[in-house]
Amino acid sequence: KWQRVSAIMTLPLVVYCVYLLGGVATLDYDAARALIAAPTTSLPLAVLIGVGIYHAALGVQVIIEDYVPLASGRNGLIMSTRVALGGIALVSLIALARITF
């Protein structure tokens, strides 16, 4: 259930962020930084990071559950990927916060 919800939330955010970030290529550094720092840009990016990483974690969990035969190895691998994806989300949100504030 949550995988579908996160997929539905991710799709419009990706479209919006690709549109916004496509315009960043033509800007100089200061203008691009100002665009990313704007609340109308940084908030959707932050939501995309959170929802996208959550959706990725759910997808990787399904793949691991389907293809890793041993239950003990499966659980450890799922926890490892959750920690890794959580770290990626944390670093991404910190980078976005440093740009925004």
N, C-alpha and C. Protein backbone atom coordinates (compact mmCIF):
# COMPACT_ATOMS: atom_id res chain seq x y z
N LYS A 1 0.81 -1.19 0.00
CA LYS A 1 0.00 0.00 0.00
C LYS A 1 0.86 1.26 0.00
N TRP A 2 1.85 1.35 0.89
CA TRP A 2 2.66 2.55 1.01
C TRP A 2 3.53 2.78 -0.21
N GLN A 3 3.88 1.70 -0.90
CA GLN A 3 4.69 1.86 -2.11
C GLN A 3 3.89 2.59 -3.19
N ARG A 4 2.62 2.29 -3.30
CA ARG A 4 1.77 2.99 -4.27
C ARG A 4 1.58 4.45 -3.88
N VAL A 5 1.36 4.69 -2.61
CA VAL A 5 1.18 6.07 -2.14
C VAL A 5 2.44 6.89 -2.40
N SER A 6 3.59 6.32 -2.08
CA SER A 6 4.84 7.06 -2.30
C SER A 6 5.11 7.25 -3.78
N ALA A 7 4.73 6.29 -4.61
CA ALA A 7 4.91 6.44 -6.05
C ALA A 7 4.03 7.57 -6.59
N ILE A 8 2.80 7.63 -6.11
CA ILE A 8 1.88 8.69 -6.56
C ILE A 8 2.39 10.05 -6.11
N MET A 9 2.95 10.13 -4.92
CA MET A 9 3.49 11.40 -4.43
C MET A 9 4.77 11.79 -5.17
N THR A 10 5.58 10.81 -5.52
CA THR A 10 6.86 11.07 -6.15
C THR A 10 6.72 11.59 -7.58
N LEU A 11 5.77 11.07 -8.32
CA LEU A 11 5.66 11.42 -9.73
C LEU A 11 5.49 12.92 -9.98
N PRO A 12 4.51 13.60 -9.39
CA PRO A 12 4.42 15.05 -9.67
C PRO A 12 5.61 15.84 -9.13
N LEU A 13 6.19 15.37 -8.02
CA LEU A 13 7.36 16.06 -7.49
C LEU A 13 8.55 15.96 -8.44
N VAL A 14 8.73 14.79 -9.03
CA VAL A 14 9.83 14.61 -9.99
C VAL A 14 9.61 15.51 -11.20
N VAL A 15 8.40 15.54 -11.71
CA VAL A 15 8.11 16.38 -12.88
C VAL A 15 8.38 17.85 -12.54
N TYR A 16 7.91 18.31 -11.39
CA TYR A 16 8.12 19.69 -10.97
C TYR A 16 9.61 20.00 -10.79
N CYS A 17 10.32 19.11 -10.13
CA CYS A 17 11.74 19.36 -9.86
C CYS A 17 12.59 19.28 -11.13
N VAL A 18 12.25 18.38 -12.04
CA VAL A 18 12.98 18.33 -13.32
C VAL A 18 12.76 19.63 -14.10
N TYR A 19 11.54 20.13 -14.09
CA TYR A 19 11.24 21.41 -14.74
C TYR A 19 12.06 22.54 -14.11
N LEU A 20 12.08 22.60 -12.80
CA LEU A 20 12.83 23.65 -12.11
C LEU A 20 14.33 23.53 -12.33
N LEU A 21 14.83 22.32 -12.16
CA LEU A 21 16.27 22.13 -12.27
C LEU A 21 16.75 22.23 -13.71
N GLY A 22 15.85 22.04 -14.67
CA GLY A 22 16.21 22.26 -16.06
C GLY A 22 16.55 23.72 -16.32
N GLY A 23 15.88 24.61 -15.62
CA GLY A 23 16.16 26.03 -15.75
C GLY A 23 17.43 26.46 -15.05
N VAL A 24 17.92 25.67 -14.13
CA VAL A 24 19.13 26.01 -13.39
C VAL A 24 20.36 25.98 -14.31
N ALA A 25 20.33 25.17 -15.35
CA ALA A 25 21.48 25.03 -16.24
C ALA A 25 21.85 26.34 -16.93
N THR A 26 20.89 27.21 -17.12
CA THR A 26 21.18 28.47 -17.82
C THR A 26 21.56 29.59 -16.86
N LEU A 27 21.51 29.35 -15.56
CA LEU A 27 21.79 30.39 -14.57
C LEU A 27 23.24 30.35 -14.12
N ASP A 28 23.72 31.49 -13.64
CA ASP A 28 25.04 31.49 -13.01
C ASP A 28 24.91 30.94 -11.59
N TYR A 29 26.03 30.80 -10.90
CA TYR A 29 26.05 30.15 -9.59
C TYR A 29 25.14 30.85 -8.58
N ASP A 30 25.25 32.16 -8.47
CA ASP A 30 24.47 32.89 -7.46
C ASP A 30 22.98 32.82 -7.75
N ALA A 31 22.60 32.94 -9.01
CA ALA A 31 21.18 32.87 -9.36
C ALA A 31 20.63 31.46 -9.14
N ALA A 32 21.43 30.45 -9.46
CA ALA A 32 20.99 29.06 -9.24
C ALA A 32 20.84 28.78 -7.75
N ARG A 33 21.78 29.27 -6.97
CA ARG A 33 21.69 29.09 -5.51
C ARG A 33 20.46 29.81 -4.94
N ALA A 34 20.18 30.99 -5.45
CA ALA A 34 19.00 31.72 -5.00
C ALA A 34 17.72 30.98 -5.39
N LEU A 35 17.70 30.39 -6.58
CA LEU A 35 16.53 29.63 -7.01
C LEU A 35 16.30 28.43 -6.11
N ILE A 36 17.36 27.69 -5.80
CA ILE A 36 17.23 26.51 -4.94
C ILE A 36 16.86 26.93 -3.52
N ALA A 37 17.33 28.09 -3.08
CA ALA A 37 17.06 28.54 -1.71
C ALA A 37 15.63 29.06 -1.53
N ALA A 38 14.95 29.35 -2.60
CA ALA A 38 13.58 29.85 -2.50
C ALA A 38 12.68 28.77 -1.90
N PRO A 39 11.76 29.14 -1.02
CA PRO A 39 10.89 28.14 -0.40
C PRO A 39 10.04 27.36 -1.40
N THR A 40 9.66 28.00 -2.50
CA THR A 40 8.86 27.30 -3.50
C THR A 40 9.65 26.23 -4.23
N THR A 41 10.96 26.27 -4.13
CA THR A 41 11.82 25.25 -4.73
C THR A 41 12.36 24.28 -3.68
N SER A 42 12.84 24.81 -2.56
CA SER A 42 13.49 23.95 -1.57
C SER A 42 12.50 23.03 -0.87
N LEU A 43 11.29 23.48 -0.63
CA LEU A 43 10.31 22.62 0.03
C LEU A 43 9.94 21.40 -0.83
N PRO A 44 9.60 21.59 -2.11
CA PRO A 44 9.34 20.41 -2.94
C PRO A 44 10.56 19.50 -3.07
N LEU A 45 11.75 20.08 -3.13
CA LEU A 45 12.96 19.25 -3.18
C LEU A 45 13.13 18.42 -1.91
N ALA A 46 12.87 19.04 -0.76
CA ALA A 46 12.98 18.31 0.51
C ALA A 46 11.95 17.19 0.58
N VAL A 47 10.73 17.47 0.15
CA VAL A 47 9.70 16.43 0.15
C VAL A 47 10.07 15.31 -0.83
N LEU A 48 10.61 15.69 -1.99
CA LEU A 48 11.03 14.69 -2.96
C LEU A 48 12.14 13.80 -2.40
N ILE A 49 13.07 14.39 -1.70
CA ILE A 49 14.15 13.60 -1.09
C ILE A 49 13.56 12.60 -0.11
N GLY A 50 12.71 13.06 0.78
CA GLY A 50 12.13 12.17 1.79
C GLY A 50 11.27 11.08 1.19
N VAL A 51 10.34 11.47 0.33
CA VAL A 51 9.42 10.49 -0.26
C VAL A 51 10.16 9.57 -1.23
N GLY A 52 11.08 10.13 -2.00
CA GLY A 52 11.84 9.32 -2.96
C GLY A 52 12.70 8.27 -2.29
N ILE A 53 13.38 8.66 -1.22
CA ILE A 53 14.21 7.69 -0.49
C ILE A 53 13.33 6.64 0.19
N TYR A 54 12.20 7.05 0.74
CA TYR A 54 11.28 6.09 1.35
C TYR A 54 10.78 5.10 0.31
N HIS A 55 10.42 5.60 -0.87
CA HIS A 55 9.95 4.73 -1.95
C HIS A 55 11.07 3.78 -2.39
N ALA A 56 12.28 4.29 -2.46
CA ALA A 56 13.42 3.43 -2.82
C ALA A 56 13.64 2.34 -1.78
N ALA A 57 13.52 2.69 -0.51
CA ALA A 57 13.69 1.71 0.56
C ALA A 57 12.65 0.61 0.47
N LEU A 58 11.41 0.98 0.18
CA LEU A 58 10.36 -0.03 0.02
C LEU A 58 10.63 -0.93 -1.17
N GLY A 59 11.07 -0.35 -2.28
CA GLY A 59 11.36 -1.13 -3.47
C GLY A 59 12.53 -2.08 -3.27
N VAL A 60 13.59 -1.60 -2.64
CA VAL A 60 14.75 -2.46 -2.38
C VAL A 60 14.37 -3.58 -1.42
N GLN A 61 13.52 -3.29 -0.45
CA GLN A 61 13.08 -4.32 0.48
C GLN A 61 12.33 -5.43 -0.27
N VAL A 62 11.47 -5.07 -1.19
CA VAL A 62 10.73 -6.08 -1.96
C VAL A 62 11.70 -6.92 -2.78
N ILE A 63 12.68 -6.29 -3.39
CA ILE A 63 13.67 -7.03 -4.19
C ILE A 63 14.44 -7.99 -3.31
N ILE A 64 14.87 -7.53 -2.14
CA ILE A 64 15.63 -8.40 -1.23
C ILE A 64 14.76 -9.56 -0.76
N GLU A 65 13.52 -9.27 -0.40
CA GLU A 65 12.63 -10.34 0.07
C GLU A 65 12.38 -11.38 -1.01
N ASP A 66 12.36 -10.96 -2.26
CA ASP A 66 12.11 -11.90 -3.36
C ASP A 66 13.33 -12.72 -3.75
N TYR A 67 14.54 -12.15 -3.63
CA TYR A 67 15.70 -12.80 -4.21
C TYR A 67 16.77 -13.26 -3.22
N VAL A 68 16.67 -12.91 -1.94
CA VAL A 68 17.64 -13.40 -0.96
C VAL A 68 17.00 -14.58 -0.23
N PRO A 69 17.58 -15.77 -0.35
CA PRO A 69 16.92 -16.97 0.15
C PRO A 69 16.93 -17.13 1.68
N LEU A 70 17.96 -16.70 2.36
CA LEU A 70 18.06 -16.92 3.80
C LEU A 70 17.42 -15.78 4.58
N ALA A 71 16.55 -16.14 5.53
CA ALA A 71 15.84 -15.12 6.29
C ALA A 71 16.79 -14.25 7.10
N SER A 72 17.81 -14.85 7.71
CA SER A 72 18.73 -14.06 8.53
C SER A 72 19.53 -13.09 7.66
N GLY A 73 19.98 -13.53 6.51
CA GLY A 73 20.69 -12.65 5.60
C GLY A 73 19.78 -11.58 5.04
N ARG A 74 18.55 -11.94 4.82
CA ARG A 74 17.55 -11.01 4.28
C ARG A 74 17.33 -9.86 5.25
N ASN A 75 17.10 -10.17 6.51
CA ASN A 75 16.83 -9.13 7.50
C ASN A 75 18.02 -8.19 7.69
N GLY A 76 19.21 -8.75 7.74
CA GLY A 76 20.40 -7.92 7.87
C GLY A 76 20.61 -7.02 6.67
N LEU A 77 20.36 -7.56 5.49
CA LEU A 77 20.51 -6.77 4.27
C LEU A 77 19.47 -5.65 4.19
N ILE A 78 18.26 -5.95 4.60
CA ILE A 78 17.21 -4.92 4.61
C ILE A 78 17.59 -3.80 5.58
N MET A 79 18.08 -4.16 6.76
CA MET A 79 18.48 -3.13 7.73
C MET A 79 19.67 -2.31 7.20
N SER A 80 20.61 -2.98 6.55
CA SER A 80 21.76 -2.26 5.99
C SER A 80 21.34 -1.27 4.92
N THR A 81 20.44 -1.67 4.05
CA THR A 81 20.00 -0.75 3.01
C THR A 81 19.19 0.40 3.59
N ARG A 82 18.41 0.12 4.63
CA ARG A 82 17.67 1.21 5.27
C ARG A 82 18.61 2.22 5.90
N VAL A 83 19.66 1.73 6.55
CA VAL A 83 20.64 2.64 7.15
C VAL A 83 21.35 3.45 6.06
N ALA A 84 21.75 2.78 4.98
CA ALA A 84 22.43 3.48 3.89
C ALA A 84 21.52 4.53 3.25
N LEU A 85 20.28 4.16 2.97
CA LEU A 85 19.35 5.11 2.37
C LEU A 85 19.00 6.23 3.33
N GLY A 86 18.91 5.92 4.62
CA GLY A 86 18.69 6.97 5.61
C GLY A 86 19.85 7.95 5.65
N GLY A 87 21.07 7.43 5.52
CA GLY A 87 22.24 8.30 5.46
C GLY A 87 22.24 9.19 4.23
N ILE A 88 21.84 8.62 3.10
CA ILE A 88 21.75 9.40 1.86
C ILE A 88 20.71 10.51 2.03
N ALA A 89 19.57 10.17 2.62
CA ALA A 89 18.53 11.19 2.83
C ALA A 89 19.03 12.28 3.77
N LEU A 90 19.70 11.90 4.83
CA LEU A 90 20.22 12.87 5.80
C LEU A 90 21.22 13.82 5.16
N VAL A 91 22.17 13.27 4.42
CA VAL A 91 23.18 14.10 3.76
C VAL A 91 22.53 15.03 2.73
N SER A 92 21.56 14.50 1.99
CA SER A 92 20.86 15.31 0.99
C SER A 92 20.09 16.46 1.64
N LEU A 93 19.39 16.17 2.72
CA LEU A 93 18.62 17.22 3.40
C LEU A 93 19.53 18.26 4.06
N ILE A 94 20.67 17.81 4.58
CA ILE A 94 21.62 18.76 5.16
C ILE A 94 22.18 19.66 4.07
N ALA A 95 22.51 19.09 2.92
CA ALA A 95 23.02 19.91 1.81
C ALA A 95 21.99 20.92 1.35
N LEU A 96 20.74 20.49 1.26
CA LEU A 96 19.67 21.39 0.86
C LEU A 96 19.47 22.49 1.92
N ALA A 97 19.55 22.12 3.18
CA ALA A 97 19.40 23.11 4.26
C ALA A 97 20.55 24.13 4.23
N ARG A 98 21.75 23.68 3.92
CA ARG A 98 22.89 24.61 3.84
C ARG A 98 22.71 25.61 2.70
N ILE A 99 22.10 25.15 1.62
CA ILE A 99 21.83 26.07 0.52
C ILE A 99 20.70 27.03 0.89
N THR A 100 19.68 26.49 1.54
CA THR A 100 18.49 27.28 1.83
C THR A 100 18.72 28.32 2.91
N PHE A 101 19.47 27.96 3.95
CA PHE A 101 19.62 28.87 5.10
C PHE A 101 20.96 29.51 5.10
